Amino acid sequence: LWIPKKGASLQLTPLNYPLYERVIRTYEGNKLEMRDGRIYINGHEESSYTFKMNYYWMIGDNLHGSQDSRYWGLVPEDHLIGSASVTL
């Protein structure tokens, strides 16, 4: 899994479409669809996408019981409301 950064571009494929669909559509505010194996953003066929925000992979401290990015997916920077007090 590649974690997008603001200004980074990603080649869009039918294979990675499900991984980044929510980010591009919900968090970045685009109309996104795939028709006949082609990807359309805001009505235009696109082969790549440049991200507007930084994204993070969050993991809980209870490996088998946490609902974290394994459950939610990537977290956009505008959803963060604090900072880590300890990092390992």
PDB file of N, CA and C in Angstrom:
ATOM      1  N   LEU A   1       0.850  -1.181   0.000  1.00  0.00           N
ATOM      2  CA  LEU A   1       0.000   0.000   0.000  1.00  0.00           C
ATOM      3  C   LEU A   1       0.888   1.234   0.000  1.00  0.00           C
ATOM      4  N   TRP A   2       0.648   2.105  -0.940  1.00  0.00           N
ATOM      5  CA  TRP A   2       1.362   3.378  -1.027  1.00  0.00           C
ATOM      6  C   TRP A   2       0.499   4.443  -0.353  1.00  0.00           C
ATOM      7  N   ILE A   3       1.089   5.250   0.525  1.00  0.00           N
ATOM      8  CA  ILE A   3       0.351   6.269   1.271  1.00  0.00           C
ATOM      9  C   ILE A   3       0.614   7.626   0.624  1.00  0.00           C
ATOM     10  N   PRO A   4      -0.438   8.277   0.097  1.00  0.00           N
ATOM     11  CA  PRO A   4      -0.265   9.525  -0.647  1.00  0.00           C
ATOM     12  C   PRO A   4       0.144  10.713   0.212  1.00  0.00           C
ATOM     13  N   LYS A   5       0.932  11.579  -0.413  1.00  0.00           N
ATOM     14  CA  LYS A   5       1.333  12.856   0.182  1.00  0.00           C
ATOM     15  C   LYS A   5       0.808  13.972  -0.712  1.00  0.00           C
ATOM     16  N   LYS A   6       0.607  15.131  -0.147  1.00  0.00           N
ATOM     17  CA  LYS A   6       0.149  16.294  -0.897  1.00  0.00           C
ATOM     18  C   LYS A   6       1.097  16.550  -2.070  1.00  0.00           C
ATOM     19  N   GLY A   7       0.527  16.669  -3.270  1.00  0.00           N
ATOM     20  CA  GLY A   7       1.315  16.944  -4.465  1.00  0.00           C
ATOM     21  C   GLY A   7       1.862  15.721  -5.167  1.00  0.00           C
ATOM     22  N   ALA A   8       1.743  14.548  -4.551  1.00  0.00           N
ATOM     23  CA  ALA A   8       2.223  13.315  -5.176  1.00  0.00           C
ATOM     24  C   ALA A   8       1.189  12.803  -6.163  1.00  0.00           C
ATOM     25  N   SER A   9       1.654  12.198  -7.236  1.00  0.00           N
ATOM     26  CA  SER A   9       0.755  11.654  -8.258  1.00  0.00           C
ATOM     27  C   SER A   9       0.794  10.140  -8.250  1.00  0.00           C
ATOM     28  N   LEU A  10      -0.324   9.556  -8.626  1.00  0.00           N
ATOM     29  CA  LEU A  10      -0.489   8.108  -8.670  1.00  0.00           C
ATOM     30  C   LEU A  10      -1.040   7.720 -10.029  1.00  0.00           C
ATOM     31  N   GLN A  11      -0.440   6.715 -10.672  1.00  0.00           N
ATOM     32  CA  GLN A  11      -1.000   6.163 -11.898  1.00  0.00           C
ATOM     33  C   GLN A  11      -2.230   5.351 -11.496  1.00  0.00           C
ATOM     34  N   LEU A  12      -3.371   5.668 -12.072  1.00  0.00           N
ATOM     35  CA  LEU A  12      -4.614   4.980 -11.746  1.00  0.00           C
ATOM     36  C   LEU A  12      -4.791   3.759 -12.636  1.00  0.00           C
ATOM     37  N   THR A  13      -5.156   2.652 -12.013  1.00  0.00           N
ATOM     38  CA  THR A  13      -5.413   1.412 -12.743  1.00  0.00           C
ATOM     39  C   THR A  13      -6.656   0.756 -12.147  1.00  0.00           C
ATOM     40  N   PRO A  14      -7.290  -0.142 -12.894  1.00  0.00           N
ATOM     41  CA  PRO A  14      -8.412  -0.883 -12.304  1.00  0.00           C
ATOM     42  C   PRO A  14      -8.000  -1.672 -11.062  1.00  0.00           C
ATOM     43  N   LEU A  15      -6.720  -2.040 -10.976  1.00  0.00           N
ATOM     44  CA  LEU A  15      -6.237  -2.802  -9.827  1.00  0.00           C
ATOM     45  C   LEU A  15      -6.138  -1.950  -8.563  1.00  0.00           C
ATOM     46  N   ASN A  16      -5.668  -0.692  -8.674  1.00  0.00           N
ATOM     47  CA  ASN A  16      -5.536   0.138  -7.468  1.00  0.00           C
ATOM     48  C   ASN A  16      -6.747   1.047  -7.233  1.00  0.00           C
ATOM     49  N   TYR A  17      -7.685   1.056  -8.142  1.00  0.00           N
ATOM     50  CA  TYR A  17      -8.905   1.865  -7.999  1.00  0.00           C
ATOM     51  C   TYR A  17      -9.593   1.654  -6.648  1.00  0.00           C
ATOM     52  N   PRO A  18      -9.848   0.403  -6.213  1.00  0.00           N
ATOM     53  CA  PRO A  18     -10.533   0.214  -4.925  1.00  0.00           C
ATOM     54  C   PRO A  18      -9.747   0.744  -3.718  1.00  0.00           C
ATOM     55  N   LEU A  19      -8.418   0.774  -3.802  1.00  0.00           N
ATOM     56  CA  LEU A  19      -7.597   1.236  -2.675  1.00  0.00           C
ATOM     57  C   LEU A  19      -7.692   2.743  -2.453  1.00  0.00           C
ATOM     58  N   TYR A  20      -7.863   3.494  -3.544  1.00  0.00           N
ATOM     59  CA  TYR A  20      -7.832   4.957  -3.449  1.00  0.00           C
ATOM     60  C   TYR A  20      -9.177   5.614  -3.777  1.00  0.00           C
ATOM     61  N   GLU A  21     -10.183   4.818  -4.062  1.00  0.00           N
ATOM     62  CA  GLU A  21     -11.512   5.337  -4.435  1.00  0.00           C
ATOM     63  C   GLU A  21     -12.088   6.261  -3.368  1.00  0.00           C
ATOM     64  N   ARG A  22     -12.107   5.820  -2.133  1.00  0.00           N
ATOM     65  CA  ARG A  22     -12.686   6.628  -1.051  1.00  0.00           C
ATOM     66  C   ARG A  22     -11.922   7.937  -0.854  1.00  0.00           C
ATOM     67  N   VAL A  23     -10.605   7.873  -0.923  1.00  0.00           N
ATOM     68  CA  VAL A  23      -9.774   9.066  -0.749  1.00  0.00           C
ATOM     69  C   VAL A  23     -10.088  10.097  -1.833  1.00  0.00           C
ATOM     70  N   ILE A  24     -10.074   9.662  -3.085  1.00  0.00           N
ATOM     71  CA  ILE A  24     -10.281  10.589  -4.204  1.00  0.00           C
ATOM     72  C   ILE A  24     -11.701  11.133  -4.224  1.00  0.00           C
ATOM     73  N   ARG A  25     -12.667  10.275  -3.934  1.00  0.00           N
ATOM     74  CA  ARG A  25     -14.066  10.684  -3.998  1.00  0.00           C
ATOM     75  C   ARG A  25     -14.492  11.447  -2.738  1.00  0.00           C
ATOM     76  N   THR A  26     -14.363  10.849  -1.595  1.00  0.00           N
ATOM     77  CA  THR A  26     -14.931  11.402  -0.366  1.00  0.00           C
ATOM     78  C   THR A  26     -14.074  12.507   0.239  1.00  0.00           C
ATOM     79  N   TYR A  27     -12.798  12.232   0.423  1.00  0.00           N
ATOM     80  CA  TYR A  27     -11.943  13.196   1.113  1.00  0.00           C
ATOM     81  C   TYR A  27     -11.461  14.335   0.220  1.00  0.00           C
ATOM     82  N   GLU A  28     -11.292  14.054  -1.068  1.00  0.00           N
ATOM     83  CA  GLU A  28     -10.787  15.092  -1.969  1.00  0.00           C
ATOM     84  C   GLU A  28     -11.896  15.732  -2.802  1.00  0.00           C
ATOM     85  N   GLY A  29     -13.139  15.229  -2.658  1.00  0.00           N
ATOM     86  CA  GLY A  29     -14.300  15.893  -3.236  1.00  0.00           C
ATOM     87  C   GLY A  29     -14.461  15.793  -4.745  1.00  0.00           C
ATOM     88  N   ASN A  30     -14.085  14.661  -5.322  1.00  0.00           N
ATOM     89  CA  ASN A  30     -14.216  14.474  -6.767  1.00  0.00           C
ATOM     90  C   ASN A  30     -15.318  13.484  -7.100  1.00  0.00           C
ATOM     91  N   LYS A  31     -15.872  13.620  -8.295  1.00  0.00           N
ATOM     92  CA  LYS A  31     -16.768  12.606  -8.824  1.00  0.00           C
ATOM     93  C   LYS A  31     -15.859  11.579  -9.498  1.00  0.00           C
ATOM     94  N   LEU A  32     -15.889  10.353  -9.035  1.00  0.00           N
ATOM     95  CA  LEU A  32     -14.996   9.306  -9.522  1.00  0.00           C
ATOM     96  C   LEU A  32     -15.816   8.108  -9.947  1.00  0.00           C
ATOM     97  N   GLU A  33     -15.507   7.586 -11.138  1.00  0.00           N
ATOM     98  CA  GLU A  33     -16.184   6.376 -11.591  1.00  0.00           C
ATOM     99  C   GLU A  33     -15.285   5.607 -12.551  1.00  0.00           C
ATOM    100  N   MET A  34     -15.576   4.304 -12.654  1.00  0.00           N
ATOM    101  CA  MET A  34     -14.858   3.456 -13.598  1.00  0.00           C
ATOM    102  C   MET A  34     -15.887   2.848 -14.538  1.00  0.00           C
ATOM    103  N   ARG A  35     -15.670   3.041 -15.843  1.00  0.00           N
ATOM    104  CA  ARG A  35     -16.549   2.480 -16.877  1.00  0.00           C
ATOM    105  C   ARG A  35     -15.689   1.786 -17.923  1.00  0.00           C
ATOM    106  N   ASP A  36     -16.021   0.548 -18.208  1.00  0.00           N
ATOM    107  CA  ASP A  36     -15.302  -0.230 -19.224  1.00  0.00           C
ATOM    108  C   ASP A  36     -13.793  -0.244 -18.987  1.00  0.00           C
ATOM    109  N   GLY A  37     -13.374  -0.328 -17.718  1.00  0.00           N
ATOM    110  CA  GLY A  37     -11.966  -0.383 -17.377  1.00  0.00           C
ATOM    111  C   GLY A  37     -11.246   0.952 -17.449  1.00  0.00           C
ATOM    112  N   ARG A  38     -11.979   2.019 -17.718  1.00  0.00           N
ATOM    113  CA  ARG A  38     -11.396   3.372 -17.780  1.00  0.00           C
ATOM    114  C   ARG A  38     -11.861   4.169 -16.575  1.00  0.00           C
ATOM    115  N   ILE A  39     -10.989   5.022 -16.077  1.00  0.00           N
ATOM    116  CA  ILE A  39     -11.279   5.797 -14.877  1.00  0.00           C
ATOM    117  C   ILE A  39     -11.571   7.242 -15.255  1.00  0.00           C
ATOM    118  N   TYR A  40     -12.669   7.755 -14.693  1.00  0.00           N
ATOM    119  CA  TYR A  40     -13.103   9.122 -14.964  1.00  0.00           C
ATOM    120  C   TYR A  40     -13.151   9.905 -13.655  1.00  0.00           C
ATOM    121  N   ILE A  41     -12.547  11.080 -13.674  1.00  0.00           N
ATOM    122  CA  ILE A  41     -12.600  11.988 -12.535  1.00  0.00           C
ATOM    123  C   ILE A  41     -13.266  13.266 -13.015  1.00  0.00           C
ATOM    124  N   ASN A  42     -14.365  13.610 -12.356  1.00  0.00           N
ATOM    125  CA  ASN A  42     -15.143  14.801 -12.714  1.00  0.00           C
ATOM    126  C   ASN A  42     -15.485  14.822 -14.196  1.00  0.00           C
ATOM    127  N   GLY A  43     -15.831  13.638 -14.729  1.00  0.00           N
ATOM    128  CA  GLY A  43     -16.283  13.522 -16.110  1.00  0.00           C
ATOM    129  C   GLY A  43     -15.199  13.404 -17.158  1.00  0.00           C
ATOM    130  N   HIS A  44     -13.916  13.468 -16.764  1.00  0.00           N
ATOM    131  CA  HIS A  44     -12.814  13.389 -17.723  1.00  0.00           C
ATOM    132  C   HIS A  44     -12.023  12.104 -17.500  1.00  0.00           C
ATOM    133  N   GLU A  45     -11.712  11.400 -18.588  1.00  0.00           N
ATOM    134  CA  GLU A  45     -10.898  10.197 -18.455  1.00  0.00           C
ATOM    135  C   GLU A  45      -9.502  10.590 -17.987  1.00  0.00           C
ATOM    136  N   GLU A  46      -9.020   9.908 -16.956  1.00  0.00           N
ATOM    137  CA  GLU A  46      -7.719  10.224 -16.362  1.00  0.00           C
ATOM    138  C   GLU A  46      -6.908   8.946 -16.195  1.00  0.00           C
ATOM    139  N   SER A  47      -5.593   9.079 -16.325  1.00  0.00           N
ATOM    140  CA  SER A  47      -4.709   7.940 -16.082  1.00  0.00           C
ATOM    141  C   SER A  47      -3.897   8.130 -14.808  1.00  0.00           C
ATOM    142  N   SER A  48      -3.949   9.348 -14.232  1.00  0.00           N
ATOM    143  CA  SER A  48      -3.245   9.596 -12.976  1.00  0.00           C
ATOM    144  C   SER A  48      -4.038  10.606 -12.143  1.00  0.00           C
ATOM    145  N   TYR A  49      -3.662  10.694 -10.878  1.00  0.00           N
ATOM    146  CA  TYR A  49      -4.309  11.642  -9.974  1.00  0.00           C
ATOM    147  C   TYR A  49      -3.249  12.244  -9.055  1.00  0.00           C
ATOM    148  N   THR A  50      -3.330  13.562  -8.831  1.00  0.00           N
ATOM    149  CA  THR A  50      -2.428  14.257  -7.913  1.00  0.00           C
ATOM    150  C   THR A  50      -3.204  14.619  -6.652  1.00  0.00           C
ATOM    151  N   PHE A  51      -2.699  14.193  -5.516  1.00  0.00           N
ATOM    152  CA  PHE A  51      -3.399  14.350  -4.249  1.00  0.00           C
ATOM    153  C   PHE A  51      -3.291  15.763  -3.707  1.00  0.00           C
ATOM    154  N   LYS A  52      -4.365  16.212  -3.066  1.00  0.00           N
ATOM    155  CA  LYS A  52      -4.458  17.562  -2.511  1.00  0.00           C
ATOM    156  C   LYS A  52      -4.044  17.632  -1.042  1.00  0.00           C
ATOM    157  N   MET A  53      -4.039  16.479  -0.357  1.00  0.00           N
ATOM    158  CA  MET A  53      -3.728  16.434   1.072  1.00  0.00           C
ATOM    159  C   MET A  53      -2.741  15.316   1.375  1.00  0.00           C
ATOM    160  N   ASN A  54      -2.182  15.376   2.565  1.00  0.00           N
ATOM    161  CA  ASN A  54      -1.391  14.271   3.101  1.00  0.00           C
ATOM    162  C   ASN A  54      -2.352  13.265   3.733  1.00  0.00           C
ATOM    163  N   TYR A  55      -1.964  11.994   3.694  1.00  0.00           N
ATOM    164  CA  TYR A  55      -2.766  10.930   4.290  1.00  0.00           C
ATOM    165  C   TYR A  55      -1.891  10.120   5.231  1.00  0.00           C
ATOM    166  N   TYR A  56      -2.541   9.455   6.179  1.00  0.00           N
ATOM    167  CA  TYR A  56      -1.821   8.710   7.211  1.00  0.00           C
ATOM    168  C   TYR A  56      -2.439   7.337   7.390  1.00  0.00           C
ATOM    169  N   TRP A  57      -1.598   6.381   7.766  1.00  0.00           N
ATOM    170  CA  TRP A  57      -2.021   5.035   8.132  1.00  0.00           C
ATOM    171  C   TRP A  57      -1.956   4.979   9.650  1.00  0.00           C
ATOM    172  N   MET A  58      -3.087   4.773  10.295  1.00  0.00           N
ATOM    173  CA  MET A  58      -3.163   4.742  11.754  1.00  0.00           C
ATOM    174  C   MET A  58      -3.348   3.298  12.217  1.00  0.00           C
ATOM    175  N   ILE A  59      -2.615   2.939  13.252  1.00  0.00           N
ATOM    176  CA  ILE A  59      -2.765   1.597  13.805  1.00  0.00           C
ATOM    177  C   ILE A  59      -2.882   1.687  15.322  1.00  0.00           C
ATOM    178  N   GLY A  60      -3.798   0.897  15.850  1.00  0.00           N
ATOM    179  CA  GLY A  60      -4.033   0.912  17.288  1.00  0.00           C
ATOM    180  C   GLY A  60      -3.018   0.090  18.055  1.00  0.00           C
ATOM    181  N   ASP A  61      -3.037   0.240  19.372  1.00  0.00           N
ATOM    182  CA  ASP A  61      -2.078  -0.481  20.209  1.00  0.00           C
ATOM    183  C   ASP A  61      -2.556  -1.886  20.584  1.00  0.00           C
ATOM    184  N   ASN A  62      -3.779  -2.228  20.233  1.00  0.00           N
ATOM    185  CA  ASN A  62      -4.302  -3.567  20.474  1.00  0.00           C
ATOM    186  C   ASN A  62      -4.405  -4.256  19.113  1.00  0.00           C
ATOM    187  N   LEU A  63      -3.320  -4.887  18.690  1.00  0.00           N
ATOM    188  CA  LEU A  63      -3.181  -5.407  17.337  1.00  0.00           C
ATOM    189  C   LEU A  63      -4.403  -6.175  16.836  1.00  0.00           C
ATOM    190  N   HIS A  64      -4.953  -7.038  17.649  1.00  0.00           N
ATOM    191  CA  HIS A  64      -6.052  -7.881  17.184  1.00  0.00           C
ATOM    192  C   HIS A  64      -7.432  -7.317  17.488  1.00  0.00           C
ATOM    193  N   GLY A  65      -7.498  -6.251  18.272  1.00  0.00           N
ATOM    194  CA  GLY A  65      -8.798  -5.729  18.648  1.00  0.00           C
ATOM    195  C   GLY A  65      -9.052  -4.282  18.268  1.00  0.00           C
ATOM    196  N   SER A  66      -8.090  -3.622  17.646  1.00  0.00           N
ATOM    197  CA  SER A  66      -8.261  -2.206  17.316  1.00  0.00           C
ATOM    198  C   SER A  66      -9.008  -2.028  16.000  1.00  0.00           C
ATOM    199  N   GLN A  67      -9.884  -1.026  15.986  1.00  0.00           N
ATOM    200  CA  GLN A  67     -10.438  -0.583  14.714  1.00  0.00           C
ATOM    201  C   GLN A  67      -9.582   0.608  14.313  1.00  0.00           C
ATOM    202  N   ASP A  68      -8.789   0.428  13.286  1.00  0.00           N
ATOM    203  CA  ASP A  68      -7.826   1.434  12.861  1.00  0.00           C
ATOM    204  C   ASP A  68      -7.816   1.478  11.336  1.00  0.00           C
ATOM    205  N   SER A  69      -6.721   1.878  10.729  1.00  0.00           N
ATOM    206  CA  SER A  69      -6.684   2.005   9.271  1.00  0.00           C
ATOM    207  C   SER A  69      -6.896   0.681   8.545  1.00  0.00           C
ATOM    208  N   ARG A  70      -6.706  -0.416   9.231  1.00  0.00           N
ATOM    209  CA  ARG A  70      -7.046  -1.703   8.622  1.00  0.00           C
ATOM    210  C   ARG A  70      -8.556  -1.790   8.406  1.00  0.00           C
ATOM    211  N   TYR A  71      -9.302  -1.057   9.199  1.00  0.00           N
ATOM    212  CA  TYR A  71     -10.766  -1.029   9.128  1.00  0.00           C
ATOM    213  C   TYR A  71     -11.255   0.200   8.362  1.00  0.00           C
ATOM    214  N   TRP A  72     -10.731   1.408   8.682  1.00  0.00           N
ATOM    215  CA  TRP A  72     -11.210   2.654   8.087  1.00  0.00           C
ATOM    216  C   TRP A  72     -10.574   2.986   6.763  1.00  0.00           C
ATOM    217  N   GLY A  73      -9.327   2.572   6.557  1.00  0.00           N
ATOM    218  CA  GLY A  73      -8.554   3.018   5.402  1.00  0.00           C
ATOM    219  C   GLY A  73      -7.682   4.201   5.785  1.00  0.00           C
ATOM    220  N   LEU A  74      -7.203   4.910   4.787  1.00  0.00           N
ATOM    221  CA  LEU A  74      -6.318   6.050   5.012  1.00  0.00           C
ATOM    222  C   LEU A  74      -7.057   7.202   5.683  1.00  0.00           C
ATOM    223  N   VAL A  75      -6.335   7.962   6.500  1.00  0.00           N
ATOM    224  CA  VAL A  75      -6.914   9.097   7.226  1.00  0.00           C
ATOM    225  C   VAL A  75      -6.320  10.390   6.660  1.00  0.00           C
ATOM    226  N   PRO A  76      -7.182  11.335   6.208  1.00  0.00           N
ATOM    227  CA  PRO A  76      -6.665  12.594   5.675  1.00  0.00           C
ATOM    228  C   PRO A  76      -6.192  13.512   6.789  1.00  0.00           C
ATOM    229  N   GLU A  77      -5.233  14.387   6.444  1.00  0.00           N
ATOM    230  CA  GLU A  77      -4.643  15.276   7.456  1.00  0.00           C
ATOM    231  C   GLU A  77      -5.674  16.163   8.138  1.00  0.00           C
ATOM    232  N   ASP A  78      -6.749  16.539   7.440  1.00  0.00           N
ATOM    233  CA  ASP A  78      -7.727  17.427   8.065  1.00  0.00           C
ATOM    234  C   ASP A  78      -8.635  16.707   9.061  1.00  0.00           C
ATOM    235  N   HIS A  79      -8.447  15.392   9.239  1.00  0.00           N
ATOM    236  CA  HIS A  79      -9.196  14.641  10.248  1.00  0.00           C
ATOM    237  C   HIS A  79      -8.389  14.433  11.533  1.00  0.00           C
ATOM    238  N   LEU A  80      -7.139  14.851  11.549  1.00  0.00           N
ATOM    239  CA  LEU A  80      -6.290  14.669  12.736  1.00  0.00           C
ATOM    240  C   LEU A  80      -6.580  15.772  13.751  1.00  0.00           C
ATOM    241  N   ILE A  81      -6.698  15.381  15.025  1.00  0.00           N
ATOM    242  CA  ILE A  81      -7.014  16.360  16.063  1.00  0.00           C
ATOM    243  C   ILE A  81      -6.064  16.241  17.253  1.00  0.00           C
ATOM    244  N   GLY A  82      -4.815  16.038  17.008  1.00  0.00           N
ATOM    245  CA  GLY A  82      -3.858  15.919  18.086  1.00  0.00           C
ATOM    246  C   GLY A  82      -2.540  15.450  17.545  1.00  0.00           C
ATOM    247  N   SER A  83      -1.670  15.064  18.438  1.00  0.00           N
ATOM    248  CA  SER A  83      -0.372  14.536  18.019  1.00  0.00           C
ATOM    249  C   SER A  83       0.003  13.388  18.930  1.00  0.00           C
ATOM    250  N   ALA A  84       0.890  12.565  18.458  1.00  0.00           N
ATOM    251  CA  ALA A  84       1.346  11.415  19.239  1.00  0.00           C
ATOM    252  C   ALA A  84       2.239  11.903  20.377  1.00  0.00           C
ATOM    253  N   SER A  85       2.073  11.309  21.547  1.00  0.00           N
ATOM    254  CA  SER A  85       2.941  11.670  22.670  1.00  0.00           C
ATOM    255  C   SER A  85       4.131  10.714  22.742  1.00  0.00           C
ATOM    256  N   VAL A  86       3.964   9.507  22.190  1.00  0.00           N
ATOM    257  CA  VAL A  86       5.040   8.527  22.160  1.00  0.00           C
ATOM    258  C   VAL A  86       5.006   7.856  20.806  1.00  0.00           C
ATOM    259  N   THR A  87       6.144   7.750  20.163  1.00  0.00           N
ATOM    260  CA  THR A  87       6.249   6.997  18.925  1.00  0.00           C
ATOM    261  C   THR A  87       7.381   5.997  19.076  1.00  0.00           C
ATOM    262  N   LEU A  88       7.214   4.853  18.493  1.00  0.00           N
ATOM    263  CA  LEU A  88       8.229   3.793  18.596  1.00  0.00           C
ATOM    264  C   LEU A  88       8.857   3.552  17.253  1.00  0.00           C
TER     265      LEU A  88
END
